[in-house]
Amino acid sequence: MTTTIEAKSAGLVPADVKWNLEFALSRLREEEAALTNIQRARGTGFILSLELRDRSPMIEKSTKVLDEFRELAPRNGVCPESYLESLGGVPDFGRFGKPAAIGVQATGGLQPRPVGADQ
């Protein structure tokens, strides 16, 4: 059931803007689902922080679309947060912690030795 504000906002948002928002939200939900599965399998730790770092560019790209909407929507008579809520809401990536620093990599047990290392 939509509220009057949501119904009014829905009529003010052009179809192509709504499509872009739905696409960005869909990508964010896919990233959230993947990170949730990693968290279930590996826990909240180093592997999760590496995955979050590796997925950050896509998350940031989609979030940028939402941020632009948040900036422009009020100028056009739309409450951005209630409208995004009416589309299912925005995932919260804060629950996954902080991404690993750039340059940090996982080490998986045995590493190849450089040529001549055993001499």
PDB file of N, CA and C in Angstrom:
ATOM      1  N   MET A   1       0.843  -1.173   0.000  1.00  0.00           N
ATOM      2  CA  MET A   1       0.000   0.000   0.000  1.00  0.00           C
ATOM      3  C   MET A   1       0.891   1.240   0.000  1.00  0.00           C
ATOM      4  N   THR A   2       0.703   2.120  -0.906  1.00  0.00           N
ATOM      5  CA  THR A   2       1.511   3.328  -0.989  1.00  0.00           C
ATOM      6  C   THR A   2       0.812   4.472  -0.281  1.00  0.00           C
ATOM      7  N   THR A   3       1.610   5.368   0.276  1.00  0.00           N
ATOM      8  CA  THR A   3       1.042   6.548   0.927  1.00  0.00           C
ATOM      9  C   THR A   3       0.747   7.586  -0.141  1.00  0.00           C
ATOM     10  N   THR A   4       0.083   8.643   0.258  1.00  0.00           N
ATOM     11  CA  THR A   4      -0.240   9.716  -0.678  1.00  0.00           C
ATOM     12  C   THR A   4       1.024  10.375  -1.212  1.00  0.00           C
ATOM     13  N   ILE A   5       2.023  10.573  -0.341  1.00  0.00           N
ATOM     14  CA  ILE A   5       3.291  11.183  -0.763  1.00  0.00           C
ATOM     15  C   ILE A   5       3.973  10.305  -1.802  1.00  0.00           C
ATOM     16  N   GLU A   6       4.034   8.991  -1.545  1.00  0.00           N
ATOM     17  CA  GLU A   6       4.670   8.075  -2.495  1.00  0.00           C
ATOM     18  C   GLU A   6       3.925   8.076  -3.825  1.00  0.00           C
ATOM     19  N   ALA A   7       2.604   8.071  -3.776  1.00  0.00           N
ATOM     20  CA  ALA A   7       1.808   8.069  -5.003  1.00  0.00           C
ATOM     21  C   ALA A   7       2.038   9.355  -5.780  1.00  0.00           C
ATOM     22  N   LYS A   8       2.082  10.488  -5.068  1.00  0.00           N
ATOM     23  CA  LYS A   8       2.330  11.766  -5.721  1.00  0.00           C
ATOM     24  C   LYS A   8       3.723  11.789  -6.322  1.00  0.00           C
ATOM     25  N   SER A   9       4.732  11.312  -5.559  1.00  0.00           N
ATOM     26  CA  SER A   9       6.112  11.287  -6.040  1.00  0.00           C
ATOM     27  C   SER A   9       6.256  10.393  -7.256  1.00  0.00           C
ATOM     28  N   ALA A  10       5.562   9.273  -7.253  1.00  0.00           N
ATOM     29  CA  ALA A  10       5.669   8.337  -8.368  1.00  0.00           C
ATOM     30  C   ALA A  10       5.248   8.982  -9.678  1.00  0.00           C
ATOM     31  N   GLY A  11       4.255   9.844  -9.644  1.00  0.00           N
ATOM     32  CA  GLY A  11       3.790  10.509 -10.847  1.00  0.00           C
ATOM     33  C   GLY A  11       4.733  11.595 -11.337  1.00  0.00           C
ATOM     34  N   LEU A  12       5.601  12.088 -10.445  1.00  0.00           N
ATOM     35  CA  LEU A  12       6.526  13.161 -10.802  1.00  0.00           C
ATOM     36  C   LEU A  12       7.869  12.650 -11.327  1.00  0.00           C
ATOM     37  N   VAL A  13       8.144  11.373 -11.147  1.00  0.00           N
ATOM     38  CA  VAL A  13       9.435  10.806 -11.564  1.00  0.00           C
ATOM     39  C   VAL A  13       9.287  10.242 -12.969  1.00  0.00           C
ATOM     40  N   PRO A  14      10.078  10.759 -13.919  1.00  0.00           N
ATOM     41  CA  PRO A  14      10.007  10.242 -15.291  1.00  0.00           C
ATOM     42  C   PRO A  14      10.367   8.753 -15.352  1.00  0.00           C
ATOM     43  N   ALA A  15       9.804   8.072 -16.330  1.00  0.00           N
ATOM     44  CA  ALA A  15      10.002   6.623 -16.464  1.00  0.00           C
ATOM     45  C   ALA A  15      11.475   6.248 -16.603  1.00  0.00           C
ATOM     46  N   ASP A  16      12.249   7.032 -17.362  1.00  0.00           N
ATOM     47  CA  ASP A  16      13.654   6.678 -17.540  1.00  0.00           C
ATOM     48  C   ASP A  16      14.452   6.872 -16.246  1.00  0.00           C
ATOM     49  N   VAL A  17      14.075   7.854 -15.439  1.00  0.00           N
ATOM     50  CA  VAL A  17      14.730   8.045 -14.143  1.00  0.00           C
ATOM     51  C   VAL A  17      14.385   6.878 -13.225  1.00  0.00           C
ATOM     52  N   LYS A  18      13.118   6.490 -13.217  1.00  0.00           N
ATOM     53  CA  LYS A  18      12.698   5.351 -12.398  1.00  0.00           C
ATOM     54  C   LYS A  18      13.448   4.092 -12.823  1.00  0.00           C
ATOM     55  N   TRP A  19      13.603   3.876 -14.125  1.00  0.00           N
ATOM     56  CA  TRP A  19      14.319   2.699 -14.617  1.00  0.00           C
ATOM     57  C   TRP A  19      15.770   2.723 -14.136  1.00  0.00           C
ATOM     58  N   ASN A  20      16.435   3.902 -14.228  1.00  0.00           N
ATOM     59  CA  ASN A  20      17.820   4.022 -13.767  1.00  0.00           C
ATOM     60  C   ASN A  20      17.937   3.737 -12.271  1.00  0.00           C
ATOM     61  N   LEU A  21      16.980   4.222 -11.501  1.00  0.00           N
ATOM     62  CA  LEU A  21      16.983   3.969 -10.063  1.00  0.00           C
ATOM     63  C   LEU A  21      16.781   2.487  -9.758  1.00  0.00           C
ATOM     64  N   GLU A  22      15.827   1.877 -10.451  1.00  0.00           N
ATOM     65  CA  GLU A  22      15.572   0.453 -10.236  1.00  0.00           C
ATOM     66  C   GLU A  22      16.786  -0.388 -10.624  1.00  0.00           C
ATOM     67  N   PHE A  23      17.457  -0.016 -11.701  1.00  0.00           N
ATOM     68  CA  PHE A  23      18.650  -0.733 -12.137  1.00  0.00           C
ATOM     69  C   PHE A  23      19.770  -0.590 -11.098  1.00  0.00           C
ATOM     70  N   ALA A  24      19.997   0.627 -10.616  1.00  0.00           N
ATOM     71  CA  ALA A  24      21.031   0.855  -9.605  1.00  0.00           C
ATOM     72  C   ALA A  24      20.716   0.091  -8.322  1.00  0.00           C
ATOM     73  N   LEU A  25      19.459   0.131  -7.894  1.00  0.00           N
ATOM     74  CA  LEU A  25      19.062  -0.600  -6.692  1.00  0.00           C
ATOM     75  C   LEU A  25      19.209  -2.102  -6.871  1.00  0.00           C
ATOM     76  N   SER A  26      18.890  -2.592  -8.064  1.00  0.00           N
ATOM     77  CA  SER A  26      19.040  -4.015  -8.351  1.00  0.00           C
ATOM     78  C   SER A  26      20.506  -4.443  -8.244  1.00  0.00           C
ATOM     79  N   ARG A  27      21.395  -3.639  -8.797  1.00  0.00           N
ATOM     80  CA  ARG A  27      22.831  -3.949  -8.715  1.00  0.00           C
ATOM     81  C   ARG A  27      23.303  -3.924  -7.264  1.00  0.00           C
ATOM     82  N   LEU A  28      22.836  -2.939  -6.505  1.00  0.00           N
ATOM     83  CA  LEU A  28      23.215  -2.871  -5.092  1.00  0.00           C
ATOM     84  C   LEU A  28      22.700  -4.088  -4.327  1.00  0.00           C
ATOM     85  N   ARG A  29      21.498  -4.523  -4.626  1.00  0.00           N
ATOM     86  CA  ARG A  29      20.940  -5.700  -3.943  1.00  0.00           C
ATOM     87  C   ARG A  29      21.699  -6.971  -4.316  1.00  0.00           C
ATOM     88  N   GLU A  30      22.150  -7.064  -5.574  1.00  0.00           N
ATOM     89  CA  GLU A  30      22.962  -8.207  -5.987  1.00  0.00           C
ATOM     90  C   GLU A  30      24.286  -8.231  -5.224  1.00  0.00           C
ATOM     91  N   GLU A  31      24.918  -7.073  -5.090  1.00  0.00           N
ATOM     92  CA  GLU A  31      26.174  -6.986  -4.338  1.00  0.00           C
ATOM     93  C   GLU A  31      25.943  -7.312  -2.870  1.00  0.00           C
ATOM     94  N   GLU A  32      24.843  -6.813  -2.317  1.00  0.00           N
ATOM     95  CA  GLU A  32      24.510  -7.103  -0.922  1.00  0.00           C
ATOM     96  C   GLU A  32      24.297  -8.600  -0.716  1.00  0.00           C
ATOM     97  N   ALA A  33      23.574  -9.242  -1.628  1.00  0.00           N
ATOM     98  CA  ALA A  33      23.325 -10.676  -1.515  1.00  0.00           C
ATOM     99  C   ALA A  33      24.632 -11.468  -1.587  1.00  0.00           C
ATOM    100  N   ALA A  34      25.514 -11.087  -2.499  1.00  0.00           N
ATOM    101  CA  ALA A  34      26.796 -11.771  -2.630  1.00  0.00           C
ATOM    102  C   ALA A  34      27.621 -11.614  -1.352  1.00  0.00           C
ATOM    103  N   LEU A  35      27.666 -10.406  -0.821  1.00  0.00           N
ATOM    104  CA  LEU A  35      28.423 -10.170   0.412  1.00  0.00           C
ATOM    105  C   LEU A  35      27.797 -10.895   1.605  1.00  0.00           C
ATOM    106  N   THR A  36      26.487 -10.976   1.632  1.00  0.00           N
ATOM    107  CA  THR A  36      25.807 -11.721   2.698  1.00  0.00           C
ATOM    108  C   THR A  36      26.183 -13.195   2.636  1.00  0.00           C
ATOM    109  N   ASN A  37      26.217 -13.760   1.432  1.00  0.00           N
ATOM    110  CA  ASN A  37      26.612 -15.164   1.280  1.00  0.00           C
ATOM    111  C   ASN A  37      28.063 -15.387   1.696  1.00  0.00           C
ATOM    112  N   ILE A  38      28.936 -14.457   1.361  1.00  0.00           N
ATOM    113  CA  ILE A  38      30.337 -14.562   1.765  1.00  0.00           C
ATOM    114  C   ILE A  38      30.446 -14.470   3.284  1.00  0.00           C
ATOM    115  N   GLN A  39      29.672 -13.574   3.868  1.00  0.00           N
ATOM    116  CA  GLN A  39      29.680 -13.413   5.318  1.00  0.00           C
ATOM    117  C   GLN A  39      29.204 -14.685   6.009  1.00  0.00           C
ATOM    118  N   ARG A  40      28.188 -15.311   5.458  1.00  0.00           N
ATOM    119  CA  ARG A  40      27.685 -16.572   6.032  1.00  0.00           C
ATOM    120  C   ARG A  40      28.726 -17.680   5.932  1.00  0.00           C
ATOM    121  N   ALA A  41      29.400 -17.737   4.790  1.00  0.00           N
ATOM    122  CA  ALA A  41      30.360 -18.808   4.557  1.00  0.00           C
ATOM    123  C   ALA A  41      31.688 -18.580   5.270  1.00  0.00           C
ATOM    124  N   ARG A  42      32.161 -17.349   5.295  1.00  0.00           N
ATOM    125  CA  ARG A  42      33.504 -17.053   5.793  1.00  0.00           C
ATOM    126  C   ARG A  42      33.540 -16.231   7.071  1.00  0.00           C
ATOM    127  N   GLY A  43      32.382 -15.709   7.474  1.00  0.00           N
ATOM    128  CA  GLY A  43      32.351 -14.876   8.668  1.00  0.00           C
ATOM    129  C   GLY A  43      32.699 -13.434   8.338  1.00  0.00           C
ATOM    130  N   THR A  44      32.732 -12.628   9.397  1.00  0.00           N
ATOM    131  CA  THR A  44      33.051 -11.218   9.235  1.00  0.00           C
ATOM    132  C   THR A  44      34.529 -11.050   9.544  1.00  0.00           C
ATOM    133  N   GLY A  45      35.315 -11.005   8.496  1.00  0.00           N
ATOM    134  CA  GLY A  45      36.756 -10.896   8.696  1.00  0.00           C
ATOM    135  C   GLY A  45      37.465 -10.456   7.442  1.00  0.00           C
ATOM    136  N   PHE A  46      38.685 -10.935   7.299  1.00  0.00           N
ATOM    137  CA  PHE A  46      39.567 -10.488   6.241  1.00  0.00           C
ATOM    138  C   PHE A  46      39.015 -10.775   4.845  1.00  0.00           C
ATOM    139  N   ILE A  47      38.503 -11.971   4.618  1.00  0.00           N
ATOM    140  CA  ILE A  47      37.977 -12.334   3.296  1.00  0.00           C
ATOM    141  C   ILE A  47      36.808 -11.426   2.927  1.00  0.00           C
ATOM    142  N   LEU A  48      35.927 -11.176   3.874  1.00  0.00           N
ATOM    143  CA  LEU A  48      34.795 -10.287   3.621  1.00  0.00           C
ATOM    144  C   LEU A  48      35.279  -8.872   3.293  1.00  0.00           C
ATOM    145  N   SER A  49      36.298  -8.400   4.005  1.00  0.00           N
ATOM    146  CA  SER A  49      36.802  -7.049   3.728  1.00  0.00           C
ATOM    147  C   SER A  49      37.458  -6.978   2.355  1.00  0.00           C
ATOM    148  N   LEU A  50      38.106  -8.065   1.919  1.00  0.00           N
ATOM    149  CA  LEU A  50      38.663  -8.100   0.564  1.00  0.00           C
ATOM    150  C   LEU A  50      37.562  -8.064  -0.485  1.00  0.00           C
ATOM    151  N   GLU A  51      36.519  -8.848  -0.266  1.00  0.00           N
ATOM    152  CA  GLU A  51      35.395  -8.876  -1.211  1.00  0.00           C
ATOM    153  C   GLU A  51      34.701  -7.523  -1.272  1.00  0.00           C
ATOM    154  N   LEU A  52      34.532  -6.900  -0.122  1.00  0.00           N
ATOM    155  CA  LEU A  52      33.901  -5.580  -0.090  1.00  0.00           C
ATOM    156  C   LEU A  52      34.746  -4.577  -0.868  1.00  0.00           C
ATOM    157  N   ARG A  53      36.054  -4.638  -0.686  1.00  0.00           N
ATOM    158  CA  ARG A  53      36.940  -3.734  -1.428  1.00  0.00           C
ATOM    159  C   ARG A  53      36.828  -3.979  -2.929  1.00  0.00           C
ATOM    160  N   ASP A  54      36.818  -5.243  -3.333  1.00  0.00           N
ATOM    161  CA  ASP A  54      36.754  -5.572  -4.755  1.00  0.00           C
ATOM    162  C   ASP A  54      35.419  -5.191  -5.383  1.00  0.00           C
ATOM    163  N   ARG A  55      34.372  -5.174  -4.586  1.00  0.00           N
ATOM    164  CA  ARG A  55      33.037  -4.834  -5.089  1.00  0.00           C
ATOM    165  C   ARG A  55      32.721  -3.340  -4.948  1.00  0.00           C
ATOM    166  N   SER A  56      33.572  -2.612  -4.252  1.00  0.00           N
ATOM    167  CA  SER A  56      33.328  -1.191  -3.996  1.00  0.00           C
ATOM    168  C   SER A  56      33.133  -0.347  -5.247  1.00  0.00           C
ATOM    169  N   PRO A  57      33.887  -0.546  -6.334  1.00  0.00           N
ATOM    170  CA  PRO A  57      33.655   0.293  -7.516  1.00  0.00           C
ATOM    171  C   PRO A  57      32.217   0.185  -8.055  1.00  0.00           C
ATOM    172  N   MET A  58      31.671  -1.020  -8.083  1.00  0.00           N
ATOM    173  CA  MET A  58      30.307  -1.199  -8.569  1.00  0.00           C
ATOM    174  C   MET A  58      29.307  -0.594  -7.580  1.00  0.00           C
ATOM    175  N   ILE A  59      29.566  -0.771  -6.299  1.00  0.00           N
ATOM    176  CA  ILE A  59      28.693  -0.198  -5.271  1.00  0.00           C
ATOM    177  C   ILE A  59      28.705   1.325  -5.371  1.00  0.00           C
ATOM    178  N   GLU A  60      29.890   1.892  -5.521  1.00  0.00           N
ATOM    179  CA  GLU A  60      30.015   3.351  -5.626  1.00  0.00           C
ATOM    180  C   GLU A  60      29.345   3.892  -6.881  1.00  0.00           C
ATOM    181  N   LYS A  61      29.469   3.163  -7.980  1.00  0.00           N
ATOM    182  CA  LYS A  61      28.846   3.593  -9.240  1.00  0.00           C
ATOM    183  C   LYS A  61      27.323   3.650  -9.097  1.00  0.00           C
ATOM    184  N   SER A  62      26.745   2.621  -8.505  1.00  0.00           N
ATOM    185  CA  SER A  62      25.294   2.590  -8.318  1.00  0.00           C
ATOM    186  C   SER A  62      24.843   3.607  -7.281  1.00  0.00           C
ATOM    187  N   THR A  63      25.628   3.775  -6.234  1.00  0.00           N
ATOM    188  CA  THR A  63      25.302   4.750  -5.197  1.00  0.00           C
ATOM    189  C   THR A  63      25.337   6.168  -5.756  1.00  0.00           C
ATOM    190  N   LYS A  64      26.224   6.411  -6.706  1.00  0.00           N
ATOM    191  CA  LYS A  64      26.314   7.736  -7.330  1.00  0.00           C
ATOM    192  C   LYS A  64      25.002   8.084  -8.040  1.00  0.00           C
ATOM    193  N   VAL A  65      24.359   7.112  -8.672  1.00  0.00           N
ATOM    194  CA  VAL A  65      23.067   7.335  -9.328  1.00  0.00           C
ATOM    195  C   VAL A  65      22.030   7.757  -8.289  1.00  0.00           C
ATOM    196  N   LEU A  66      22.025   7.069  -7.146  1.00  0.00           N
ATOM    197  CA  LEU A  66      21.068   7.406  -6.086  1.00  0.00           C
ATOM    198  C   LEU A  66      21.358   8.779  -5.488  1.00  0.00           C
ATOM    199  N   ASP A  67      22.645   9.094  -5.320  1.00  0.00           N
ATOM    200  CA  ASP A  67      23.016  10.397  -4.770  1.00  0.00           C
ATOM    201  C   ASP A  67      22.579  11.537  -5.692  1.00  0.00           C
ATOM    202  N   GLU A  68      22.727  11.324  -6.991  1.00  0.00           N
ATOM    203  CA  GLU A  68      22.289  12.342  -7.949  1.00  0.00           C
ATOM    204  C   GLU A  68      20.775  12.542  -7.858  1.00  0.00           C
ATOM    205  N   PHE A  69      20.045  11.436  -7.725  1.00  0.00           N
ATOM    206  CA  PHE A  69      18.592  11.515  -7.564  1.00  0.00           C
ATOM    207  C   PHE A  69      18.239  12.265  -6.279  1.00  0.00           C
ATOM    208  N   ARG A  70      18.948  11.950  -5.189  1.00  0.00           N
ATOM    209  CA  ARG A  70      18.688  12.627  -3.913  1.00  0.00           C
ATOM    210  C   ARG A  70      18.900  14.134  -4.025  1.00  0.00           C
ATOM    211  N   GLU A  71      19.858  14.531  -4.835  1.00  0.00           N
ATOM    212  CA  GLU A  71      20.143  15.953  -5.009  1.00  0.00           C
ATOM    213  C   GLU A  71      19.081  16.648  -5.858  1.00  0.00           C
ATOM    214  N   LEU A  72      18.643  15.997  -6.932  1.00  0.00           N
ATOM    215  CA  LEU A  72      17.733  16.632  -7.886  1.00  0.00           C
ATOM    216  C   LEU A  72      16.251  16.478  -7.547  1.00  0.00           C
ATOM    217  N   ALA A  73      15.879  15.418  -6.879  1.00  0.00           N
ATOM    218  CA  ALA A  73      14.468  15.131  -6.620  1.00  0.00           C
ATOM    219  C   ALA A  73      13.728  16.247  -5.878  1.00  0.00           C
ATOM    220  N   PRO A  74      14.300  16.805  -4.797  1.00  0.00           N
ATOM    221  CA  PRO A  74      13.558  17.862  -4.083  1.00  0.00           C
ATOM    222  C   PRO A  74      13.265  19.076  -4.957  1.00  0.00           C
ATOM    223  N   ARG A  75      14.119  19.368  -5.896  1.00  0.00           N
ATOM    224  CA  ARG A  75      13.891  20.503  -6.801  1.00  0.00           C
ATOM    225  C   ARG A  75      12.684  20.265  -7.702  1.00  0.00           C
ATOM    226  N   ASN A  76      12.320  18.989  -7.818  1.00  0.00           N
ATOM    227  CA  ASN A  76      11.200  18.621  -8.677  1.00  0.00           C
ATOM    228  C   ASN A  76       9.992  18.124  -7.881  1.00  0.00           C
ATOM    229  N   GLY A  77       9.963  18.447  -6.596  1.00  0.00           N
ATOM    230  CA  GLY A  77       8.808  18.121  -5.769  1.00  0.00           C
ATOM    231  C   GLY A  77       8.716  16.680  -5.323  1.00  0.00           C
ATOM    232  N   VAL A  78       9.837  15.969  -5.302  1.00  0.00           N
ATOM    233  CA  VAL A  78       9.833  14.558  -4.908  1.00  0.00           C
ATOM    234  C   VAL A  78      10.679  14.395  -3.648  1.00  0.00           C
ATOM    235  N   CYS A  79      10.148  13.670  -2.677  1.00  0.00           N
ATOM    236  CA  CYS A  79      10.917  13.315  -1.490  1.00  0.00           C
ATOM    237  C   CYS A  79      11.762  12.087  -1.853  1.00  0.00           C
ATOM    238  N   PRO A  80      13.077  12.254  -1.975  1.00  0.00           N
ATOM    239  CA  PRO A  80      13.900  11.153  -2.479  1.00  0.00           C
ATOM    240  C   PRO A  80      13.894   9.909  -1.589  1.00  0.00           C
ATOM    241  N   GLU A  81      13.963  10.087  -0.287  1.00  0.00           N
ATOM    242  CA  GLU A  81      14.037   8.919   0.603  1.00  0.00           C
ATOM    243  C   GLU A  81      12.749   8.112   0.588  1.00  0.00           C
ATOM    244  N   SER A  82      11.604   8.793   0.600  1.00  0.00           N
ATOM    245  CA  SER A  82      10.347   8.037   0.577  1.00  0.00           C
ATOM    246  C   SER A  82      10.169   7.349  -0.778  1.00  0.00           C
ATOM    247  N   TYR A  83      10.635   8.009  -1.839  1.00  0.00           N
ATOM    248  CA  TYR A  83      10.522   7.378  -3.154  1.00  0.00           C
ATOM    249  C   TYR A  83      11.425   6.151  -3.257  1.00  0.00           C
ATOM    250  N   LEU A  84      12.663   6.256  -2.767  1.00  0.00           N
ATOM    251  CA  LEU A  84      13.568   5.097  -2.789  1.00  0.00           C
ATOM    252  C   LEU A  84      13.024   3.973  -1.908  1.00  0.00           C
ATOM    253  N   GLU A  85      12.411   4.337  -0.790  1.00  0.00           N
ATOM    254  CA  GLU A  85      11.766   3.325   0.062  1.00  0.00           C
ATOM    255  C   GLU A  85      10.650   2.618  -0.696  1.00  0.00           C
ATOM    256  N   SER A  86       9.894   3.378  -1.492  1.00  0.00           N
ATOM    257  CA  SER A  86       8.788   2.772  -2.248  1.00  0.00           C
ATOM    258  C   SER A  86       9.304   1.796  -3.306  1.00  0.00           C
ATOM    259  N   LEU A  87      10.582   1.940  -3.678  1.00  0.00           N
ATOM    260  CA  LEU A  87      11.205   1.007  -4.639  1.00  0.00           C
ATOM    261  C   LEU A  87      11.898  -0.154  -3.936  1.00  0.00           C
ATOM    262  N   GLY A  88      11.732  -0.241  -2.632  1.00  0.00           N
ATOM    263  CA  GLY A  88      12.311  -1.356  -1.886  1.00  0.00           C
ATOM    264  C   GLY A  88      13.435  -0.971  -0.956  1.00  0.00           C
ATOM    265  N   GLY A  89      13.833   0.283  -0.975  1.00  0.00           N
ATOM    266  CA  GLY A  89      14.872   0.744  -0.064  1.00  0.00           C
ATOM    267  C   GLY A  89      16.283   0.519  -0.585  1.00  0.00           C
ATOM    268  N   VAL A  90      17.226   1.129   0.093  1.00  0.00           N
ATOM    269  CA  VAL A  90      18.633   1.068  -0.281  1.00  0.00           C
ATOM    270  C   VAL A  90      19.358   0.142   0.698  1.00  0.00           C
ATOM    271  N   PRO A  91      20.110  -0.835   0.183  1.00  0.00           N
ATOM    272  CA  PRO A  91      20.856  -1.724   1.075  1.00  0.00           C
ATOM    273  C   PRO A  91      21.877  -0.968   1.922  1.00  0.00           C
ATOM    274  N   ASP A  92      22.125  -1.464   3.127  1.00  0.00           N
ATOM    275  CA  ASP A  92      23.099  -0.876   4.034  1.00  0.00           C
ATOM    276  C   ASP A  92      24.364  -1.731   4.016  1.00  0.00           C
ATOM    277  N   PHE A  93      25.413  -1.210   3.418  1.00  0.00           N
ATOM    278  CA  PHE A  93      26.660  -1.954   3.323  1.00  0.00           C
ATOM    279  C   PHE A  93      27.540  -1.758   4.553  1.00  0.00           C
ATOM    280  N   GLY A  94      27.147  -0.869   5.449  1.00  0.00           N
ATOM    281  CA  GLY A  94      27.903  -0.628   6.664  1.00  0.00           C
ATOM    282  C   GLY A  94      28.002  -1.857   7.544  1.00  0.00           C
ATOM    283  N   ARG A  95      27.050  -2.749   7.443  1.00  0.00           N
ATOM    284  CA  ARG A  95      27.060  -3.947   8.291  1.00  0.00           C
ATOM    285  C   ARG A  95      28.157  -4.931   7.915  1.00  0.00           C
ATOM    286  N   PHE A  96      28.790  -4.715   6.755  1.00  0.00           N
ATOM    287  CA  PHE A  96      29.867  -5.598   6.326  1.00  0.00           C
ATOM    288  C   PHE A  96      31.237  -5.113   6.785  1.00  0.00           C
ATOM    289  N   GLY A  97      31.275  -3.980   7.460  1.00  0.00           N
ATOM    290  CA  GLY A  97      32.543  -3.454   7.948  1.00  0.00           C
ATOM    291  C   GLY A  97      33.239  -2.600   6.907  1.00  0.00           C
ATOM    292  N   LYS A  98      34.526  -2.409   7.114  1.00  0.00           N
ATOM    293  CA  LYS A  98      35.319  -1.577   6.210  1.00  0.00           C
ATOM    294  C   LYS A  98      36.019  -2.448   5.180  1.00  0.00           C
ATOM    295  N   PRO A  99      36.169  -1.934   3.958  1.00  0.00           N
ATOM    296  CA  PRO A  99      36.907  -2.688   2.944  1.00  0.00           C
ATOM    297  C   PRO A  99      38.393  -2.740   3.274  1.00  0.00           C
ATOM    298  N   ALA A 100      39.047  -3.790   2.814  1.00  0.00           N
ATOM    299  CA  ALA A 100      40.491  -3.920   3.001  1.00  0.00           C
ATOM    300  C   ALA A 100      41.202  -2.799   2.253  1.00  0.00           C
ATOM    301  N   ALA A 101      42.371  -2.438   2.737  1.00  0.00           N
ATOM    302  CA  ALA A 101      43.155  -1.392   2.093  1.00  0.00           C
ATOM    303  C   ALA A 101      43.622  -1.858   0.718  1.00  0.00           C
ATOM    304  N   ILE A 102      43.780  -0.907  -0.176  1.00  0.00           N
ATOM    305  CA  ILE A 102      44.283  -1.223  -1.517  1.00  0.00           C
ATOM    306  C   ILE A 102      45.712  -1.712  -1.370  1.00  0.00           C
ATOM    307  N   GLY A 103      46.042  -2.756  -2.096  1.00  0.00           N
ATOM    308  CA  GLY A 103      47.374  -3.338  -2.030  1.00  0.00           C
ATOM    309  C   GLY A 103      47.447  -4.546  -1.119  1.00  0.00           C
ATOM    310  N   VAL A 104      46.484  -4.690  -0.207  1.00  0.00           N
ATOM    311  CA  VAL A 104      46.446  -5.851   0.678  1.00  0.00           C
ATOM    312  C   VAL A 104      45.824  -7.009  -0.089  1.00  0.00           C
ATOM    313  N   GLN A 105      46.473  -8.156  -0.043  1.00  0.00           N
ATOM    314  CA  GLN A 105      45.967  -9.323  -0.754  1.00  0.00           C
ATOM    315  C   GLN A 105      45.949 -10.523   0.166  1.00  0.00           C
ATOM    316  N   ALA A 106      45.066 -11.448  -0.154  1.00  0.00           N
ATOM    317  CA  ALA A 106      45.000 -12.694   0.604  1.00  0.00           C
ATOM    318  C   ALA A 106      46.162 -13.576   0.210  1.00  0.00           C
ATOM    319  N   THR A 107      46.711 -14.264   1.186  1.00  0.00           N
ATOM    320  CA  THR A 107      47.747 -15.245   0.883  1.00  0.00           C
ATOM    321  C   THR A 107      47.129 -16.597   1.141  1.00  0.00           C
ATOM    322  N   GLY A 108      47.219 -17.438   0.174  1.00  0.00           N
ATOM    323  CA  GLY A 108      46.559 -18.736   0.266  1.00  0.00           C
ATOM    324  C   GLY A 108      47.515 -19.889   0.472  1.00  0.00           C
ATOM    325  N   GLY A 109      48.192 -19.932   1.603  1.00  0.00           N
ATOM    326  CA  GLY A 109      49.053 -21.072   1.908  1.00  0.00           C
ATOM    327  C   GLY A 109      50.347 -21.023   1.122  1.00  0.00           C
ATOM    328  N   LEU A 110      50.557 -22.033   0.281  1.00  0.00           N
ATOM    329  CA  LEU A 110      51.799 -22.142  -0.468  1.00  0.00           C
ATOM    330  C   LEU A 110      51.921 -21.049  -1.516  1.00  0.00           C
ATOM    331  N   GLN A 111      53.074 -20.454  -1.569  1.00  0.00           N
ATOM    332  CA  GLN A 111      53.359 -19.428  -2.554  1.00  0.00           C
ATOM    333  C   GLN A 111      54.504 -19.900  -3.442  1.00  0.00           C
ATOM    334  N   PRO A 112      54.466 -19.584  -4.711  1.00  0.00           N
ATOM    335  CA  PRO A 112      55.579 -19.977  -5.572  1.00  0.00           C
ATOM    336  C   PRO A 112      56.863 -19.283  -5.120  1.00  0.00           C
ATOM    337  N   ARG A 113      57.952 -20.029  -5.138  1.00  0.00           N
ATOM    338  CA  ARG A 113      59.232 -19.442  -4.750  1.00  0.00           C
ATOM    339  C   ARG A 113      59.901 -18.853  -5.964  1.00  0.00           C
ATOM    340  N   PRO A 114      60.567 -17.722  -5.771  1.00  0.00           N
ATOM    341  CA  PRO A 114      61.269 -17.119  -6.903  1.00  0.00           C
ATOM    342  C   PRO A 114      62.383 -18.051  -7.403  1.00  0.00           C
ATOM    343  N   VAL A 115      62.682 -17.939  -8.683  1.00  0.00           N
ATOM    344  CA  VAL A 115      63.744 -18.731  -9.265  1.00  0.00           C
ATOM    345  C   VAL A 115      65.049 -18.411  -8.544  1.00  0.00           C
ATOM    346  N   GLY A 116      65.762 -19.437  -8.143  1.00  0.00           N
ATOM    347  CA  GLY A 116      67.036 -19.264  -7.471  1.00  0.00           C
ATOM    348  C   GLY A 116      66.914 -19.069  -5.975  1.00  0.00           C
ATOM    349  N   ALA A 117      65.706 -19.191  -5.414  1.00  0.00           N
ATOM    350  CA  ALA A 117      65.510 -18.971  -3.984  1.00  0.00           C
ATOM    351  C   ALA A 117      66.093 -20.097  -3.149  1.00  0.00           C
ATOM    352  N   ASP A 118      66.240 -21.279  -3.720  1.00  0.00           N
ATOM    353  CA  ASP A 118      66.756 -22.421  -2.942  1.00  0.00           C
ATOM    354  C   ASP A 118      68.260 -22.541  -3.036  1.00  0.00           C
ATOM    355  N   GLN A 119      68.934 -21.594  -3.595  1.00  0.00           N
ATOM    356  CA  GLN A 119      70.389 -21.673  -3.716  1.00  0.00           C
ATOM    357  C   GLN A 119      71.071 -20.974  -2.584  1.00  0.00           C
TER     358      GLN A 119
END
